[in-house]
N, C-alpha and C. Protein backbone atom coordinates (compact mmCIF):
# COMPACT_ATOMS: atom_id res chain seq x y z
N MET A 1 103.22 35.08 76.93
CA MET A 1 101.93 35.01 76.31
C MET A 1 100.85 35.08 77.40
N ILE A 2 99.83 35.87 77.14
CA ILE A 2 98.72 36.00 78.08
C ILE A 2 97.53 35.23 77.54
N ARG A 3 96.97 34.39 78.42
CA ARG A 3 95.79 33.59 78.06
C ARG A 3 94.73 33.73 79.14
N LYS A 4 93.49 33.73 78.70
CA LYS A 4 92.36 33.74 79.62
C LYS A 4 92.23 32.36 80.27
N MET A 5 91.80 32.34 81.52
CA MET A 5 91.59 31.06 82.20
C MET A 5 90.41 30.34 81.57
N THR A 6 90.59 29.03 81.33
CA THR A 6 89.55 28.16 80.77
C THR A 6 89.48 26.90 81.62
N HIS A 7 88.57 26.02 81.27
CA HIS A 7 88.51 24.73 81.96
C HIS A 7 89.80 23.95 81.75
N ALA A 8 90.44 24.15 80.61
CA ALA A 8 91.66 23.39 80.29
C ALA A 8 92.87 23.83 81.11
N ASN A 9 92.93 25.12 81.49
CA ASN A 9 94.12 25.59 82.22
C ASN A 9 93.82 26.07 83.66
N ILE A 10 92.62 25.79 84.16
CA ILE A 10 92.25 26.24 85.51
C ILE A 10 93.22 25.71 86.57
N GLY A 11 93.86 24.60 86.30
CA GLY A 11 94.84 24.02 87.23
C GLY A 11 96.07 24.89 87.41
N ASP A 12 96.27 25.87 86.53
CA ASP A 12 97.41 26.77 86.66
C ASP A 12 97.19 27.86 87.70
N TYR A 13 95.94 27.96 88.19
CA TYR A 13 95.66 28.97 89.20
C TYR A 13 96.49 28.68 90.44
N ASN A 14 97.01 29.68 91.06
CA ASN A 14 97.87 29.64 92.25
C ASN A 14 99.33 29.34 91.92
N GLN A 15 99.67 29.07 90.66
CA GLN A 15 101.07 28.80 90.32
C GLN A 15 101.97 29.99 90.63
N ALA A 16 101.43 31.19 90.56
CA ALA A 16 102.22 32.40 90.79
C ALA A 16 102.15 32.88 92.24
N ASN A 17 101.48 32.13 93.09
CA ASN A 17 101.35 32.52 94.50
C ASN A 17 102.59 32.11 95.27
N GLU A 18 103.56 33.00 95.31
CA GLU A 18 104.80 32.72 96.02
C GLU A 18 105.07 33.84 97.02
N GLU A 19 105.96 33.58 97.93
CA GLU A 19 106.26 34.55 98.99
C GLU A 19 106.81 35.85 98.42
N PHE A 20 106.65 36.89 99.21
CA PHE A 20 107.22 38.19 98.87
C PHE A 20 107.85 38.77 100.12
N MET A 21 108.72 39.73 99.94
CA MET A 21 109.42 40.34 101.06
C MET A 21 108.63 41.54 101.60
N VAL A 22 108.50 41.58 102.90
CA VAL A 22 107.93 42.73 103.60
C VAL A 22 109.12 43.54 104.08
N ILE A 23 109.33 44.68 103.44
CA ILE A 23 110.51 45.50 103.75
C ILE A 23 110.16 46.72 104.60
N GLY A 24 108.87 46.91 104.85
CA GLY A 24 108.43 48.05 105.64
C GLY A 24 106.95 48.25 105.48
N ARG A 25 106.52 49.47 105.64
CA ARG A 25 105.11 49.80 105.43
C ARG A 25 105.01 51.21 104.86
N ILE A 26 103.92 51.44 104.16
CA ILE A 26 103.69 52.81 103.72
C ILE A 26 102.80 53.49 104.76
N VAL A 27 103.02 54.78 104.91
CA VAL A 27 102.26 55.56 105.87
C VAL A 27 101.48 56.61 105.08
N PRO A 28 100.19 56.32 104.83
CA PRO A 28 99.37 57.25 104.04
C PRO A 28 99.01 58.51 104.83
N ARG A 29 98.82 59.58 104.08
CA ARG A 29 98.43 60.85 104.69
C ARG A 29 97.39 61.50 103.77
N TYR A 30 96.29 61.95 104.37
CA TYR A 30 95.24 62.62 103.61
C TYR A 30 95.17 64.07 104.04
N GLU A 31 95.43 64.96 103.07
CA GLU A 31 95.47 66.38 103.38
C GLU A 31 95.03 67.16 102.16
N ASN A 32 94.13 68.13 102.37
CA ASN A 32 93.62 68.97 101.28
C ASN A 32 93.05 68.13 100.13
N ASP A 33 92.25 67.13 100.50
CA ASP A 33 91.60 66.24 99.52
C ASP A 33 92.58 65.47 98.66
N CYS A 34 93.77 65.21 99.15
CA CYS A 34 94.78 64.51 98.37
C CYS A 34 95.52 63.51 99.26
N TRP A 35 95.72 62.31 98.72
CA TRP A 35 96.49 61.28 99.43
C TRP A 35 97.95 61.34 99.01
N SER A 36 98.80 61.16 99.98
CA SER A 36 100.23 60.99 99.75
C SER A 36 100.70 59.93 100.73
N TYR A 37 101.95 59.56 100.64
CA TYR A 37 102.46 58.59 101.60
C TYR A 37 103.97 58.69 101.69
N THR A 38 104.46 58.23 102.81
CA THR A 38 105.89 58.05 103.01
C THR A 38 106.11 56.57 103.28
N GLU A 39 107.36 56.17 103.27
CA GLU A 39 107.69 54.78 103.56
C GLU A 39 108.46 54.69 104.86
N GLU A 40 108.10 53.70 105.65
CA GLU A 40 108.83 53.38 106.87
C GLU A 40 109.46 52.01 106.63
N LEU A 41 110.76 51.98 106.39
CA LEU A 41 111.43 50.73 106.06
C LEU A 41 111.90 50.02 107.34
N TYR A 42 111.78 48.69 107.34
CA TYR A 42 112.16 47.89 108.50
C TYR A 42 113.65 47.56 108.47
N SER A 43 114.24 47.49 109.62
CA SER A 43 115.65 47.10 109.69
C SER A 43 115.81 45.60 109.45
N GLU A 44 114.75 44.83 109.69
CA GLU A 44 114.79 43.39 109.45
C GLU A 44 113.58 42.98 108.62
N PRO A 45 113.71 42.97 107.30
CA PRO A 45 112.61 42.51 106.44
C PRO A 45 112.28 41.04 106.72
N TYR A 46 111.07 40.65 106.35
CA TYR A 46 110.65 39.26 106.49
C TYR A 46 109.82 38.86 105.28
N SER A 47 109.68 37.57 105.09
CA SER A 47 108.89 37.10 103.95
C SER A 47 107.48 36.76 104.40
N LYS A 48 106.56 36.87 103.45
CA LYS A 48 105.15 36.60 103.70
C LYS A 48 104.59 35.89 102.48
N GLN A 49 103.65 34.99 102.70
CA GLN A 49 102.98 34.33 101.59
C GLN A 49 101.52 34.15 101.95
N TYR A 50 100.67 34.38 100.97
CA TYR A 50 99.25 34.16 101.16
C TYR A 50 98.92 32.70 100.90
N GLU A 51 97.90 32.20 101.56
CA GLU A 51 97.46 30.82 101.32
C GLU A 51 96.89 30.71 99.90
N ASP A 52 97.04 29.54 99.30
CA ASP A 52 96.42 29.29 98.01
C ASP A 52 94.91 29.44 98.14
N GLU A 53 94.28 29.91 97.09
CA GLU A 53 92.84 30.10 97.08
C GLU A 53 92.20 29.13 96.10
N ASP A 54 90.99 28.74 96.41
CA ASP A 54 90.21 27.96 95.46
C ASP A 54 89.64 28.95 94.45
N ILE A 55 89.72 28.58 93.19
CA ILE A 55 89.16 29.44 92.15
C ILE A 55 87.88 28.80 91.64
N HIS A 56 86.86 29.59 91.50
CA HIS A 56 85.56 29.10 91.06
C HIS A 56 85.47 29.14 89.54
N THR A 57 84.82 28.16 88.97
CA THR A 57 84.68 28.11 87.51
C THR A 57 83.82 29.25 86.98
N SER A 58 83.19 30.01 87.87
CA SER A 58 82.38 31.15 87.40
C SER A 58 83.23 32.23 86.75
N TYR A 59 84.56 32.16 86.88
CA TYR A 59 85.44 33.12 86.22
C TYR A 59 85.67 32.75 84.75
N ILE A 60 85.18 31.61 84.33
CA ILE A 60 85.35 31.15 82.96
C ILE A 60 84.13 31.56 82.13
N ASP A 61 84.38 32.16 80.97
CA ASP A 61 83.32 32.58 80.06
C ASP A 61 82.29 33.47 80.75
N ASN A 62 82.77 34.43 81.51
CA ASN A 62 81.90 35.34 82.24
C ASN A 62 82.25 36.76 81.82
N GLU A 63 81.27 37.53 81.44
CA GLU A 63 81.51 38.92 81.01
C GLU A 63 81.86 39.85 82.17
N ARG A 64 81.54 39.43 83.39
CA ARG A 64 81.73 40.32 84.54
C ARG A 64 82.98 40.01 85.37
N LYS A 65 83.63 38.89 85.11
CA LYS A 65 84.86 38.57 85.84
C LYS A 65 85.72 37.65 85.00
N VAL A 66 87.04 37.70 85.30
CA VAL A 66 87.99 37.01 84.43
C VAL A 66 89.31 36.77 85.17
N VAL A 67 90.02 35.75 84.72
CA VAL A 67 91.40 35.52 85.16
C VAL A 67 92.25 35.40 83.91
N PHE A 68 93.37 36.12 83.91
CA PHE A 68 94.35 36.00 82.83
C PHE A 68 95.63 35.42 83.42
N PHE A 69 96.22 34.48 82.68
CA PHE A 69 97.50 33.88 83.06
C PHE A 69 98.58 34.39 82.13
N TYR A 70 99.79 34.50 82.64
CA TYR A 70 100.95 34.86 81.84
C TYR A 70 101.86 33.63 81.78
N TYR A 71 102.18 33.21 80.56
CA TYR A 71 102.98 32.01 80.37
C TYR A 71 104.34 32.34 79.76
N VAL A 72 105.36 31.64 80.25
CA VAL A 72 106.69 31.64 79.67
C VAL A 72 107.04 30.18 79.43
N ASP A 73 107.29 29.84 78.18
CA ASP A 73 107.61 28.45 77.83
C ASP A 73 106.58 27.47 78.39
N ASN A 74 105.30 27.80 78.22
CA ASN A 74 104.18 26.97 78.67
C ASN A 74 104.08 26.80 80.18
N ARG A 75 104.81 27.62 80.93
CA ARG A 75 104.72 27.61 82.39
C ARG A 75 104.01 28.88 82.84
N CYS A 76 102.98 28.72 83.67
CA CYS A 76 102.26 29.88 84.19
C CYS A 76 103.12 30.55 85.26
N VAL A 77 103.53 31.80 85.00
CA VAL A 77 104.39 32.53 85.93
C VAL A 77 103.73 33.79 86.47
N GLY A 78 102.49 34.06 86.03
CA GLY A 78 101.79 35.23 86.51
C GLY A 78 100.30 35.09 86.32
N GLN A 79 99.54 35.83 87.13
CA GLN A 79 98.09 35.80 86.99
C GLN A 79 97.51 37.10 87.50
N ILE A 80 96.36 37.45 86.93
CA ILE A 80 95.58 38.57 87.42
C ILE A 80 94.12 38.15 87.40
N ARG A 81 93.44 38.37 88.52
CA ARG A 81 92.02 38.02 88.65
C ARG A 81 91.25 39.29 88.93
N MET A 82 90.17 39.51 88.18
CA MET A 82 89.40 40.73 88.39
C MET A 82 87.93 40.54 88.05
N SER A 83 87.16 41.50 88.49
CA SER A 83 85.72 41.48 88.24
C SER A 83 85.22 42.91 88.13
N THR A 84 84.05 43.05 87.54
CA THR A 84 83.45 44.38 87.48
C THR A 84 82.80 44.66 88.81
N SER A 85 82.92 45.87 89.25
CA SER A 85 82.37 46.28 90.54
C SER A 85 81.13 47.14 90.31
N TRP A 86 80.30 47.23 91.31
CA TRP A 86 79.07 48.01 91.25
C TRP A 86 79.33 49.48 90.93
N ASN A 87 80.54 49.97 91.24
CA ASN A 87 80.83 51.40 91.09
C ASN A 87 81.49 51.76 89.76
N GLY A 88 81.50 50.81 88.82
CA GLY A 88 82.02 51.11 87.49
C GLY A 88 83.50 50.84 87.30
N TYR A 89 84.14 50.25 88.29
CA TYR A 89 85.56 49.92 88.19
C TYR A 89 85.73 48.42 87.93
N ALA A 90 86.85 48.09 87.32
CA ALA A 90 87.30 46.69 87.29
C ALA A 90 88.10 46.53 88.57
N PHE A 91 87.67 45.62 89.43
CA PHE A 91 88.36 45.43 90.70
C PHE A 91 89.35 44.28 90.56
N ILE A 92 90.63 44.60 90.74
CA ILE A 92 91.67 43.58 90.67
C ILE A 92 91.69 42.86 92.01
N GLU A 93 91.29 41.61 91.98
CA GLU A 93 91.20 40.82 93.21
C GLU A 93 92.53 40.17 93.57
N ASP A 94 93.36 39.93 92.57
CA ASP A 94 94.63 39.28 92.82
C ASP A 94 95.56 39.54 91.63
N LEU A 95 96.81 39.78 91.93
CA LEU A 95 97.86 39.89 90.92
C LEU A 95 99.10 39.25 91.53
N GLY A 96 99.62 38.24 90.86
CA GLY A 96 100.80 37.56 91.39
C GLY A 96 101.75 37.15 90.29
N ILE A 97 103.02 37.26 90.59
CA ILE A 97 104.09 36.87 89.67
C ILE A 97 105.04 35.95 90.43
N CYS A 98 105.45 34.85 89.81
CA CYS A 98 106.43 33.96 90.43
C CYS A 98 107.70 34.73 90.77
N ARG A 99 108.27 34.43 91.89
CA ARG A 99 109.44 35.15 92.42
C ARG A 99 110.56 35.31 91.38
N ASP A 100 110.90 34.25 90.67
CA ASP A 100 112.01 34.31 89.71
C ASP A 100 111.70 35.12 88.46
N TYR A 101 110.45 35.54 88.28
CA TYR A 101 110.05 36.30 87.10
C TYR A 101 109.65 37.75 87.43
N ARG A 102 109.81 38.13 88.67
CA ARG A 102 109.47 39.51 89.05
C ARG A 102 110.50 40.47 88.49
N ARG A 103 110.07 41.72 88.31
CA ARG A 103 110.91 42.81 87.81
C ARG A 103 111.35 42.58 86.36
N GLN A 104 110.50 41.86 85.59
CA GLN A 104 110.78 41.63 84.18
C GLN A 104 109.67 42.19 83.29
N GLY A 105 108.75 42.96 83.88
CA GLY A 105 107.69 43.58 83.10
C GLY A 105 106.42 42.75 82.97
N ILE A 106 106.37 41.59 83.59
CA ILE A 106 105.19 40.73 83.47
C ILE A 106 103.99 41.35 84.17
N GLY A 107 104.19 41.88 85.36
CA GLY A 107 103.10 42.55 86.07
C GLY A 107 102.55 43.72 85.28
N LYS A 108 103.44 44.49 84.67
CA LYS A 108 103.01 45.64 83.85
C LYS A 108 102.19 45.16 82.66
N ARG A 109 102.62 44.08 82.02
CA ARG A 109 101.87 43.55 80.86
C ARG A 109 100.50 43.03 81.29
N LEU A 110 100.43 42.39 82.46
CA LEU A 110 99.13 41.94 82.96
C LEU A 110 98.23 43.14 83.29
N LEU A 111 98.81 44.20 83.85
CA LEU A 111 98.02 45.42 84.11
C LEU A 111 97.52 46.03 82.80
N GLU A 112 98.37 46.07 81.80
CA GLU A 112 97.94 46.60 80.50
C GLU A 112 96.79 45.77 79.93
N HIS A 113 96.86 44.47 80.11
CA HIS A 113 95.78 43.59 79.65
C HIS A 113 94.50 43.88 80.45
N ALA A 114 94.65 44.12 81.74
CA ALA A 114 93.51 44.45 82.59
C ALA A 114 92.88 45.77 82.17
N ILE A 115 93.72 46.74 81.83
CA ILE A 115 93.21 48.03 81.37
C ILE A 115 92.42 47.86 80.08
N ALA A 116 92.94 47.07 79.16
CA ALA A 116 92.23 46.82 77.89
C ALA A 116 90.89 46.13 78.16
N TRP A 117 90.87 45.19 79.09
CA TRP A 117 89.62 44.49 79.44
C TRP A 117 88.62 45.48 80.02
N ALA A 118 89.08 46.38 80.90
CA ALA A 118 88.21 47.38 81.51
C ALA A 118 87.67 48.34 80.45
N GLU A 119 88.53 48.75 79.51
CA GLU A 119 88.07 49.63 78.43
C GLU A 119 87.03 48.92 77.56
N GLN A 120 87.28 47.67 77.25
CA GLN A 120 86.34 46.89 76.44
C GLN A 120 84.98 46.80 77.12
N HIS A 121 84.96 46.77 78.44
CA HIS A 121 83.72 46.67 79.19
C HIS A 121 83.18 48.05 79.60
N ARG A 122 83.79 49.09 79.04
CA ARG A 122 83.35 50.48 79.27
C ARG A 122 83.30 50.85 80.75
N LEU A 123 84.33 50.43 81.48
CA LEU A 123 84.44 50.77 82.89
C LEU A 123 85.23 52.07 83.04
N ILE A 124 85.15 52.69 84.20
CA ILE A 124 85.78 54.01 84.38
C ILE A 124 87.22 53.92 84.87
N GLY A 125 87.63 52.72 85.30
CA GLY A 125 89.00 52.57 85.79
C GLY A 125 89.20 51.23 86.44
N LEU A 126 90.32 51.11 87.13
CA LEU A 126 90.65 49.90 87.87
C LEU A 126 90.83 50.27 89.33
N ALA A 127 90.52 49.32 90.20
CA ALA A 127 90.69 49.52 91.63
C ALA A 127 91.25 48.22 92.22
N LEU A 128 91.92 48.37 93.34
CA LEU A 128 92.44 47.19 94.03
C LEU A 128 92.74 47.57 95.47
N GLU A 129 93.00 46.55 96.26
CA GLU A 129 93.37 46.77 97.66
C GLU A 129 94.62 45.95 97.93
N THR A 130 95.55 46.56 98.65
CA THR A 130 96.72 45.84 99.15
C THR A 130 97.03 46.36 100.54
N GLN A 131 97.85 45.62 101.25
CA GLN A 131 98.17 45.99 102.61
C GLN A 131 99.30 47.03 102.64
N ASP A 132 99.28 47.84 103.68
CA ASP A 132 100.31 48.86 103.84
C ASP A 132 101.70 48.26 103.99
N VAL A 133 101.80 47.00 104.42
CA VAL A 133 103.11 46.37 104.58
C VAL A 133 103.64 45.78 103.28
N ASN A 134 102.86 45.82 102.24
CA ASN A 134 103.33 45.33 100.94
C ASN A 134 103.89 46.51 100.15
N VAL A 135 105.00 47.04 100.65
CA VAL A 135 105.62 48.23 100.07
C VAL A 135 105.99 48.00 98.60
N LEU A 136 106.51 46.83 98.29
CA LEU A 136 106.93 46.57 96.90
C LEU A 136 105.73 46.62 95.96
N ALA A 137 104.59 46.09 96.38
CA ALA A 137 103.38 46.17 95.55
C ALA A 137 102.91 47.62 95.45
N CYS A 138 102.94 48.35 96.55
CA CYS A 138 102.52 49.75 96.53
C CYS A 138 103.38 50.56 95.58
N ARG A 139 104.68 50.33 95.61
CA ARG A 139 105.58 51.02 94.68
C ARG A 139 105.23 50.66 93.23
N PHE A 140 104.95 49.39 92.99
CA PHE A 140 104.59 48.94 91.64
C PHE A 140 103.34 49.65 91.14
N TYR A 141 102.30 49.70 91.98
CA TYR A 141 101.05 50.34 91.54
C TYR A 141 101.27 51.84 91.31
N ALA A 142 102.00 52.50 92.19
CA ALA A 142 102.27 53.93 92.02
C ALA A 142 103.05 54.18 90.73
N ARG A 143 104.06 53.35 90.43
CA ARG A 143 104.84 53.49 89.20
C ARG A 143 103.97 53.32 87.95
N ASN A 144 102.89 52.57 88.09
CA ASN A 144 102.02 52.28 86.95
C ASN A 144 100.76 53.13 86.92
N GLY A 145 100.80 54.28 87.58
CA GLY A 145 99.74 55.26 87.45
C GLY A 145 98.59 55.15 88.42
N PHE A 146 98.66 54.26 89.39
CA PHE A 146 97.60 54.14 90.40
C PHE A 146 97.83 55.18 91.49
N VAL A 147 96.74 55.65 92.07
CA VAL A 147 96.81 56.59 93.19
C VAL A 147 95.99 56.03 94.34
N ILE A 148 96.36 56.42 95.54
CA ILE A 148 95.58 56.00 96.71
C ILE A 148 94.25 56.71 96.70
N GLY A 149 93.19 55.94 96.95
CA GLY A 149 91.85 56.51 97.02
C GLY A 149 91.23 56.37 98.39
N GLY A 150 91.86 55.58 99.25
CA GLY A 150 91.32 55.41 100.59
C GLY A 150 92.12 54.40 101.39
N VAL A 151 91.89 54.44 102.70
CA VAL A 151 92.56 53.55 103.64
C VAL A 151 91.50 52.99 104.58
N ASP A 152 91.60 51.71 104.87
CA ASP A 152 90.67 51.07 105.80
C ASP A 152 91.49 50.47 106.94
N THR A 153 91.32 51.00 108.14
CA THR A 153 92.08 50.53 109.29
C THR A 153 91.43 49.33 109.98
N MET A 154 90.23 48.96 109.56
CA MET A 154 89.50 47.88 110.23
C MET A 154 89.44 46.58 109.43
N LEU A 155 89.75 46.60 108.15
CA LEU A 155 89.56 45.43 107.30
C LEU A 155 90.26 44.19 107.84
N TYR A 156 91.44 44.34 108.40
CA TYR A 156 92.20 43.20 108.91
C TYR A 156 92.16 43.09 110.43
N SER A 157 91.23 43.77 111.08
CA SER A 157 91.20 43.79 112.55
C SER A 157 90.86 42.43 113.16
N LYS A 158 90.31 41.52 112.39
CA LYS A 158 90.01 40.17 112.90
C LYS A 158 91.29 39.40 113.20
N PHE A 159 92.35 39.72 112.49
CA PHE A 159 93.60 38.99 112.60
C PHE A 159 94.51 39.71 113.60
N SER A 160 94.61 39.18 114.79
CA SER A 160 95.33 39.87 115.87
C SER A 160 96.81 40.06 115.57
N THR A 161 97.39 39.24 114.71
CA THR A 161 98.81 39.37 114.41
C THR A 161 99.10 40.20 113.17
N ALA A 162 98.07 40.57 112.44
CA ALA A 162 98.29 41.24 111.15
C ALA A 162 98.80 42.68 111.34
N HIS A 163 98.12 43.49 112.11
CA HIS A 163 98.49 44.90 112.30
C HIS A 163 98.70 45.60 110.96
N GLU A 164 97.78 45.36 110.05
CA GLU A 164 97.90 45.92 108.71
C GLU A 164 96.71 46.82 108.40
N LYS A 165 96.96 47.77 107.53
CA LYS A 165 95.90 48.63 107.02
C LYS A 165 95.67 48.29 105.55
N ALA A 166 94.45 48.39 105.11
CA ALA A 166 94.12 48.16 103.71
C ALA A 166 94.26 49.49 102.96
N ILE A 167 95.02 49.46 101.90
CA ILE A 167 95.21 50.64 101.05
C ILE A 167 94.47 50.37 99.73
N PHE A 168 93.57 51.27 99.36
CA PHE A 168 92.82 51.12 98.12
C PHE A 168 93.43 52.03 97.06
N TRP A 169 93.82 51.43 95.95
CA TRP A 169 94.48 52.11 94.84
C TRP A 169 93.52 52.17 93.66
N TYR A 170 93.60 53.28 92.89
CA TYR A 170 92.73 53.49 91.73
C TYR A 170 93.53 53.96 90.52
N TYR A 171 93.06 53.51 89.38
CA TYR A 171 93.61 53.93 88.10
C TYR A 171 92.45 54.38 87.24
N MET A 172 92.44 55.64 86.83
CA MET A 172 91.33 56.18 86.04
C MET A 172 91.60 55.99 84.56
N LEU A 173 90.59 55.57 83.83
CA LEU A 173 90.70 55.45 82.38
C LEU A 173 90.34 56.78 81.71
């Protein structure tokens, strides 16, 4: 079941923030006005987890931004956070699924809900950013109709250990 975040369930935020496997990186290529990519898989994958984030109550009852939770047996196992962007896209700020519930279609259902929200708000599509080392996420977005729209080599340059590139994915409505 998918529910919008409210004051009553705001405590469920970050429940789906669990580690994921870094199995390699994607290597984007821009040629003839078209993005493509190959995968460079690592011989020794490693796990990575993002720090929990504080969620602001401004995502509640707001026409320009929203959080949806996915529940199984009253347990929050997935979330998607997004907002409207100046360029007419719904920007997906975060999408997370609990490790034990991945590959069961929950992410796809949350994306479908995000698409419906974007259509309701008369936006032109969805956009998001993920790191080149999050190959599993990149595969997921590509499988669900997203295409690369750009790469930023400087976004993570503050973090000396990151060595990551930001990949921007788009889905047109």
